[in-house]
Amino acid sequence: MATSRVPSSYDPLKAGSIDGTDVVAHDRAVVRALGSNYRPTHLSTGQPDRCLFVGRLNAETTVESLRRTFEKLGDVAECRVVHDPVTLESRRCAPLAPAWVAATAQLMLPFLHNVSF
């Protein structure tokens, strides 16, 4: 039986807990998250388990330069740079969906340090 590392539901109490065992909200952020209702925007496409998140980008990074960089590893199905909806400034991160999804986990192994899934 295959298991997914992507949760099927979001529990703010567990997400805000160090060990996932909290039963009482311990700060205002968790209380706000418990009362919120997330609705993805029209830009939220794709499958989260097939997405590679790239952070700490240069503010001048473009979709074209990001795609050019990652296409050295293989085809990239989807790619976009996240921008602030009000100021339109780059948030310096980008989700991208490589066509080489099967190799994504293998690609990430050298970068994982003491991470348990």
N, C-alpha and C. Protein backbone atom coordinates (compact mmCIF):
# COMPACT_ATOMS: atom_id res chain seq x y z
N MET A 1 0.83 -1.18 0.00
CA MET A 1 0.00 0.00 0.00
C MET A 1 0.88 1.25 0.00
N ALA A 2 0.70 2.12 -0.97
CA ALA A 2 1.51 3.33 -1.07
C ALA A 2 0.97 4.40 -0.12
N THR A 3 1.88 5.10 0.53
CA THR A 3 1.48 6.19 1.41
C THR A 3 1.94 7.50 0.82
N SER A 4 1.21 8.56 1.13
CA SER A 4 1.55 9.88 0.63
C SER A 4 2.09 10.74 1.77
N ARG A 5 3.06 11.58 1.47
CA ARG A 5 3.59 12.49 2.47
C ARG A 5 2.78 13.78 2.52
N VAL A 6 1.82 13.91 1.65
CA VAL A 6 0.97 15.09 1.61
C VAL A 6 -0.29 14.78 2.42
N PRO A 7 -0.56 15.55 3.47
CA PRO A 7 -1.74 15.26 4.28
C PRO A 7 -3.02 15.49 3.51
N SER A 8 -4.05 14.73 3.83
CA SER A 8 -5.32 14.88 3.13
C SER A 8 -6.13 16.04 3.72
N SER A 9 -5.79 16.46 4.93
CA SER A 9 -6.47 17.59 5.55
C SER A 9 -5.47 18.39 6.37
N TYR A 10 -5.81 19.65 6.65
CA TYR A 10 -4.93 20.53 7.41
C TYR A 10 -5.49 20.72 8.79
N ASP A 11 -4.71 20.43 9.79
CA ASP A 11 -5.11 20.61 11.18
C ASP A 11 -4.17 21.65 11.79
N PRO A 12 -4.64 22.90 11.99
CA PRO A 12 -3.78 23.95 12.53
C PRO A 12 -3.19 23.59 13.89
N LEU A 13 -3.93 22.84 14.68
CA LEU A 13 -3.44 22.47 16.00
C LEU A 13 -2.21 21.57 15.89
N LYS A 14 -2.26 20.61 14.97
CA LYS A 14 -1.11 19.73 14.76
C LYS A 14 0.03 20.48 14.07
N ALA A 15 -0.31 21.33 13.11
CA ALA A 15 0.72 22.07 12.39
C ALA A 15 1.46 23.04 13.31
N GLY A 16 0.78 23.59 14.30
CA GLY A 16 1.39 24.52 15.23
C GLY A 16 2.06 23.86 16.41
N SER A 17 1.98 22.55 16.49
CA SER A 17 2.55 21.81 17.60
C SER A 17 3.92 21.25 17.24
N ILE A 18 4.83 21.26 18.17
CA ILE A 18 6.16 20.74 17.91
C ILE A 18 6.11 19.25 17.63
N ASP A 19 5.35 18.52 18.43
CA ASP A 19 5.31 17.06 18.27
C ASP A 19 3.96 16.54 17.78
N GLY A 20 3.03 17.46 17.45
CA GLY A 20 1.73 17.05 16.90
C GLY A 20 0.74 16.52 17.92
N THR A 21 1.00 16.78 19.21
CA THR A 21 0.11 16.23 20.24
C THR A 21 -0.68 17.29 20.99
N ASP A 22 -0.54 18.58 20.64
CA ASP A 22 -1.28 19.63 21.34
C ASP A 22 -2.78 19.43 21.20
N VAL A 23 -3.53 19.75 22.26
CA VAL A 23 -4.98 19.67 22.22
C VAL A 23 -5.63 21.02 22.48
N VAL A 24 -4.82 22.01 22.89
CA VAL A 24 -5.30 23.35 23.16
C VAL A 24 -4.47 24.34 22.34
N ALA A 25 -5.15 25.30 21.72
CA ALA A 25 -4.43 26.32 20.94
C ALA A 25 -3.57 27.14 21.87
N HIS A 26 -2.29 27.26 21.55
CA HIS A 26 -1.35 27.92 22.45
C HIS A 26 -0.98 29.34 22.05
N ASP A 27 -1.40 29.80 20.89
CA ASP A 27 -1.14 31.19 20.51
C ASP A 27 -2.21 31.70 19.54
N ARG A 28 -2.19 33.00 19.30
CA ARG A 28 -3.23 33.63 18.48
C ARG A 28 -3.22 33.17 17.04
N ALA A 29 -2.04 32.84 16.52
CA ALA A 29 -1.96 32.39 15.13
C ALA A 29 -2.72 31.08 14.94
N VAL A 30 -2.58 30.17 15.88
CA VAL A 30 -3.29 28.89 15.80
C VAL A 30 -4.79 29.12 15.94
N VAL A 31 -5.18 30.02 16.84
CA VAL A 31 -6.61 30.33 17.01
C VAL A 31 -7.18 30.90 15.72
N ARG A 32 -6.45 31.82 15.06
CA ARG A 32 -6.92 32.38 13.79
C ARG A 32 -7.02 31.30 12.71
N ALA A 33 -6.03 30.42 12.67
CA ALA A 33 -6.03 29.35 11.66
C ALA A 33 -7.20 28.40 11.89
N LEU A 34 -7.53 28.13 13.14
CA LEU A 34 -8.66 27.25 13.44
C LEU A 34 -9.97 27.84 12.94
N GLY A 35 -10.08 29.18 12.96
CA GLY A 35 -11.31 29.83 12.54
C GLY A 35 -11.36 30.20 11.07
N SER A 36 -10.29 29.90 10.33
CA SER A 36 -10.25 30.31 8.93
C SER A 36 -10.78 29.22 8.01
N ASN A 37 -11.07 29.62 6.77
CA ASN A 37 -11.55 28.70 5.76
C ASN A 37 -10.74 28.95 4.49
N TYR A 38 -9.84 28.03 4.16
CA TYR A 38 -8.96 28.21 3.01
C TYR A 38 -9.66 27.88 1.71
N ARG A 39 -9.55 28.81 0.75
CA ARG A 39 -10.07 28.59 -0.59
C ARG A 39 -8.94 28.89 -1.56
N PRO A 40 -8.48 27.90 -2.31
CA PRO A 40 -7.39 28.15 -3.26
C PRO A 40 -7.79 29.15 -4.33
N THR A 41 -6.83 29.94 -4.78
CA THR A 41 -7.10 30.90 -5.86
C THR A 41 -7.05 30.18 -7.20
N HIS A 42 -7.37 30.90 -8.25
CA HIS A 42 -7.32 30.32 -9.59
C HIS A 42 -5.88 29.98 -9.99
N LEU A 43 -4.89 30.54 -9.29
CA LEU A 43 -3.49 30.24 -9.59
C LEU A 43 -3.03 28.93 -8.96
N SER A 44 -3.82 28.40 -8.03
CA SER A 44 -3.46 27.15 -7.35
C SER A 44 -3.85 25.97 -8.22
N THR A 45 -2.93 25.56 -9.04
CA THR A 45 -3.18 24.44 -9.93
C THR A 45 -2.17 23.34 -9.64
N GLY A 46 -2.37 22.22 -10.22
CA GLY A 46 -1.41 21.14 -10.06
C GLY A 46 -1.66 20.29 -8.84
N GLN A 47 -0.73 19.41 -8.59
CA GLN A 47 -0.84 18.49 -7.47
C GLN A 47 0.31 18.75 -6.50
N PRO A 48 0.02 18.99 -5.22
CA PRO A 48 1.08 19.33 -4.28
C PRO A 48 2.13 18.24 -4.11
N ASP A 49 1.77 16.99 -4.32
CA ASP A 49 2.75 15.93 -4.16
C ASP A 49 3.68 15.82 -5.36
N ARG A 50 3.45 16.62 -6.39
CA ARG A 50 4.31 16.62 -7.58
C ARG A 50 4.96 17.97 -7.78
N CYS A 51 5.06 18.72 -6.70
CA CYS A 51 5.57 20.09 -6.77
C CYS A 51 6.89 20.20 -6.01
N LEU A 52 7.80 20.94 -6.59
CA LEU A 52 9.08 21.23 -5.96
C LEU A 52 9.07 22.71 -5.62
N PHE A 53 9.27 23.05 -4.35
CA PHE A 53 9.24 24.45 -3.92
C PHE A 53 10.66 24.98 -3.86
N VAL A 54 10.89 26.09 -4.56
CA VAL A 54 12.21 26.71 -4.59
C VAL A 54 12.12 28.04 -3.88
N GLY A 55 12.93 28.24 -2.86
CA GLY A 55 12.89 29.48 -2.08
C GLY A 55 14.21 30.23 -2.14
N ARG A 56 14.22 31.41 -1.51
CA ARG A 56 15.40 32.26 -1.42
C ARG A 56 15.92 32.67 -2.80
N LEU A 57 15.00 32.93 -3.71
CA LEU A 57 15.39 33.36 -5.06
C LEU A 57 15.81 34.82 -5.06
N ASN A 58 16.57 35.20 -6.05
CA ASN A 58 16.90 36.59 -6.29
C ASN A 58 15.61 37.31 -6.66
N ALA A 59 15.46 38.56 -6.24
CA ALA A 59 14.23 39.32 -6.53
C ALA A 59 14.01 39.51 -8.03
N GLU A 60 15.09 39.44 -8.83
CA GLU A 60 14.96 39.62 -10.28
C GLU A 60 14.76 38.31 -11.04
N THR A 61 14.62 37.20 -10.34
CA THR A 61 14.42 35.91 -11.01
C THR A 61 13.11 35.93 -11.80
N THR A 62 13.17 35.46 -13.03
CA THR A 62 11.98 35.39 -13.88
C THR A 62 11.61 33.94 -14.11
N VAL A 63 10.41 33.73 -14.62
CA VAL A 63 9.96 32.39 -14.95
C VAL A 63 10.90 31.78 -15.99
N GLU A 64 11.30 32.58 -16.96
CA GLU A 64 12.17 32.09 -18.02
C GLU A 64 13.52 31.63 -17.48
N SER A 65 14.13 32.43 -16.59
CA SER A 65 15.45 32.06 -16.05
C SER A 65 15.33 30.83 -15.14
N LEU A 66 14.25 30.74 -14.39
CA LEU A 66 14.03 29.58 -13.52
C LEU A 66 13.83 28.32 -14.36
N ARG A 67 13.00 28.44 -15.39
CA ARG A 67 12.75 27.30 -16.28
C ARG A 67 14.05 26.86 -16.97
N ARG A 68 14.82 27.84 -17.45
CA ARG A 68 16.08 27.53 -18.12
C ARG A 68 17.03 26.77 -17.18
N THR A 69 17.07 27.18 -15.92
CA THR A 69 17.94 26.53 -14.94
C THR A 69 17.52 25.10 -14.67
N PHE A 70 16.22 24.88 -14.45
CA PHE A 70 15.75 23.54 -14.08
C PHE A 70 15.59 22.62 -15.28
N GLU A 71 15.49 23.16 -16.48
CA GLU A 71 15.40 22.30 -17.65
C GLU A 71 16.73 21.61 -17.96
N LYS A 72 17.79 22.01 -17.29
CA LYS A 72 19.06 21.29 -17.41
C LYS A 72 18.94 19.90 -16.80
N LEU A 73 17.97 19.74 -15.88
CA LEU A 73 17.73 18.45 -15.23
C LEU A 73 16.66 17.63 -15.94
N GLY A 74 15.85 18.27 -16.77
CA GLY A 74 14.76 17.58 -17.49
C GLY A 74 13.63 18.55 -17.76
N ASP A 75 12.58 18.06 -18.41
CA ASP A 75 11.44 18.92 -18.75
C ASP A 75 10.74 19.44 -17.49
N VAL A 76 10.25 20.67 -17.58
CA VAL A 76 9.50 21.29 -16.48
C VAL A 76 8.07 21.51 -16.98
N ALA A 77 7.11 20.86 -16.31
CA ALA A 77 5.71 20.95 -16.74
C ALA A 77 5.10 22.30 -16.40
N GLU A 78 5.29 22.76 -15.16
CA GLU A 78 4.73 24.04 -14.71
C GLU A 78 5.78 24.79 -13.92
N CYS A 79 5.76 26.12 -14.05
CA CYS A 79 6.73 26.94 -13.33
C CYS A 79 6.16 28.35 -13.22
N ARG A 80 6.26 28.95 -12.03
CA ARG A 80 5.86 30.34 -11.87
C ARG A 80 6.59 30.94 -10.67
N VAL A 81 6.82 32.23 -10.71
CA VAL A 81 7.43 32.94 -9.59
C VAL A 81 6.28 33.61 -8.83
N VAL A 82 6.26 33.47 -7.52
CA VAL A 82 5.18 34.02 -6.70
C VAL A 82 5.42 35.52 -6.50
N HIS A 83 4.36 36.31 -6.72
CA HIS A 83 4.42 37.76 -6.54
C HIS A 83 3.35 38.20 -5.55
N ASP A 84 3.62 39.28 -4.84
CA ASP A 84 2.64 39.87 -3.94
C ASP A 84 1.51 40.44 -4.79
N PRO A 85 0.25 40.12 -4.47
CA PRO A 85 -0.86 40.58 -5.31
C PRO A 85 -1.08 42.09 -5.28
N VAL A 86 -0.61 42.77 -4.25
CA VAL A 86 -0.82 44.22 -4.14
C VAL A 86 0.35 44.98 -4.75
N THR A 87 1.57 44.68 -4.31
CA THR A 87 2.74 45.43 -4.77
C THR A 87 3.34 44.85 -6.04
N LEU A 88 2.98 43.63 -6.38
CA LEU A 88 3.52 42.91 -7.53
C LEU A 88 5.02 42.63 -7.43
N GLU A 89 5.58 42.79 -6.24
CA GLU A 89 6.98 42.47 -6.02
C GLU A 89 7.12 40.96 -5.85
N SER A 90 8.27 40.45 -6.23
CA SER A 90 8.53 39.02 -6.10
C SER A 90 8.58 38.64 -4.62
N ARG A 91 8.00 37.51 -4.30
CA ARG A 91 8.11 36.97 -2.94
C ARG A 91 9.32 36.05 -2.84
N ARG A 92 10.09 36.01 -3.91
CA ARG A 92 11.36 35.29 -3.96
C ARG A 92 11.22 33.79 -3.74
N CYS A 93 10.12 33.23 -4.22
CA CYS A 93 9.93 31.78 -4.16
C CYS A 93 9.14 31.34 -5.39
N ALA A 94 9.22 30.05 -5.67
CA ALA A 94 8.55 29.54 -6.86
C ALA A 94 8.21 28.07 -6.70
N PRO A 95 6.95 27.71 -6.93
CA PRO A 95 6.62 26.29 -7.03
C PRO A 95 6.83 25.87 -8.48
N LEU A 96 7.41 24.72 -8.67
CA LEU A 96 7.52 24.24 -10.04
C LEU A 96 7.23 22.75 -10.07
N ALA A 97 6.65 22.33 -11.16
CA ALA A 97 6.26 20.92 -11.33
C ALA A 97 7.13 20.32 -12.43
N PRO A 98 8.18 19.64 -12.03
CA PRO A 98 9.01 19.00 -13.04
C PRO A 98 8.33 17.79 -13.65
N ALA A 99 8.56 17.56 -14.92
CA ALA A 99 8.00 16.38 -15.56
C ALA A 99 8.70 15.13 -15.05
N TRP A 100 9.86 15.31 -14.46
CA TRP A 100 10.65 14.21 -13.93
C TRP A 100 10.34 13.98 -12.46
N VAL A 101 9.04 13.92 -12.12
CA VAL A 101 8.58 13.78 -10.74
C VAL A 101 9.20 12.58 -10.05
N ALA A 102 9.32 11.48 -10.74
CA ALA A 102 9.85 10.27 -10.11
C ALA A 102 11.26 10.51 -9.58
N ALA A 103 12.00 11.39 -10.24
CA ALA A 103 13.37 11.64 -9.82
C ALA A 103 13.49 12.77 -8.79
N THR A 104 12.38 13.45 -8.49
CA THR A 104 12.42 14.58 -7.57
C THR A 104 12.93 14.16 -6.20
N ALA A 105 12.40 13.08 -5.66
CA ALA A 105 12.84 12.62 -4.34
C ALA A 105 14.32 12.26 -4.36
N GLN A 106 14.75 11.62 -5.42
CA GLN A 106 16.16 11.26 -5.55
C GLN A 106 17.03 12.52 -5.65
N LEU A 107 16.52 13.53 -6.34
CA LEU A 107 17.23 14.78 -6.49
C LEU A 107 17.40 15.48 -5.15
N MET A 108 16.41 15.37 -4.28
CA MET A 108 16.43 16.06 -3.00
C MET A 108 17.27 15.38 -1.93
N LEU A 109 17.59 14.10 -2.08
CA LEU A 109 18.31 13.37 -1.04
C LEU A 109 19.57 14.06 -0.54
N PRO A 110 20.42 14.61 -1.41
CA PRO A 110 21.62 15.27 -0.89
C PRO A 110 21.33 16.50 -0.03
N PHE A 111 20.13 17.08 -0.17
CA PHE A 111 19.81 18.31 0.56
C PHE A 111 19.08 18.06 1.87
N LEU A 112 18.64 16.83 2.10
CA LEU A 112 17.89 16.53 3.32
C LEU A 112 18.85 16.18 4.44
N HIS A 113 18.71 16.87 5.56
CA HIS A 113 19.56 16.62 6.71
C HIS A 113 18.69 16.33 7.93
N ASN A 114 18.72 15.14 8.41
CA ASN A 114 17.97 14.74 9.61
C ASN A 114 16.49 15.12 9.52
N VAL A 115 15.90 14.88 8.39
CA VAL A 115 14.48 15.17 8.19
C VAL A 115 13.73 13.85 8.19
N SER A 116 12.69 13.78 9.00
CA SER A 116 11.88 12.56 9.00
C SER A 116 10.53 12.88 8.39
N PHE A 117 10.03 11.99 7.59
CA PHE A 117 8.75 12.22 6.91
C PHE A 117 7.67 11.46 7.60
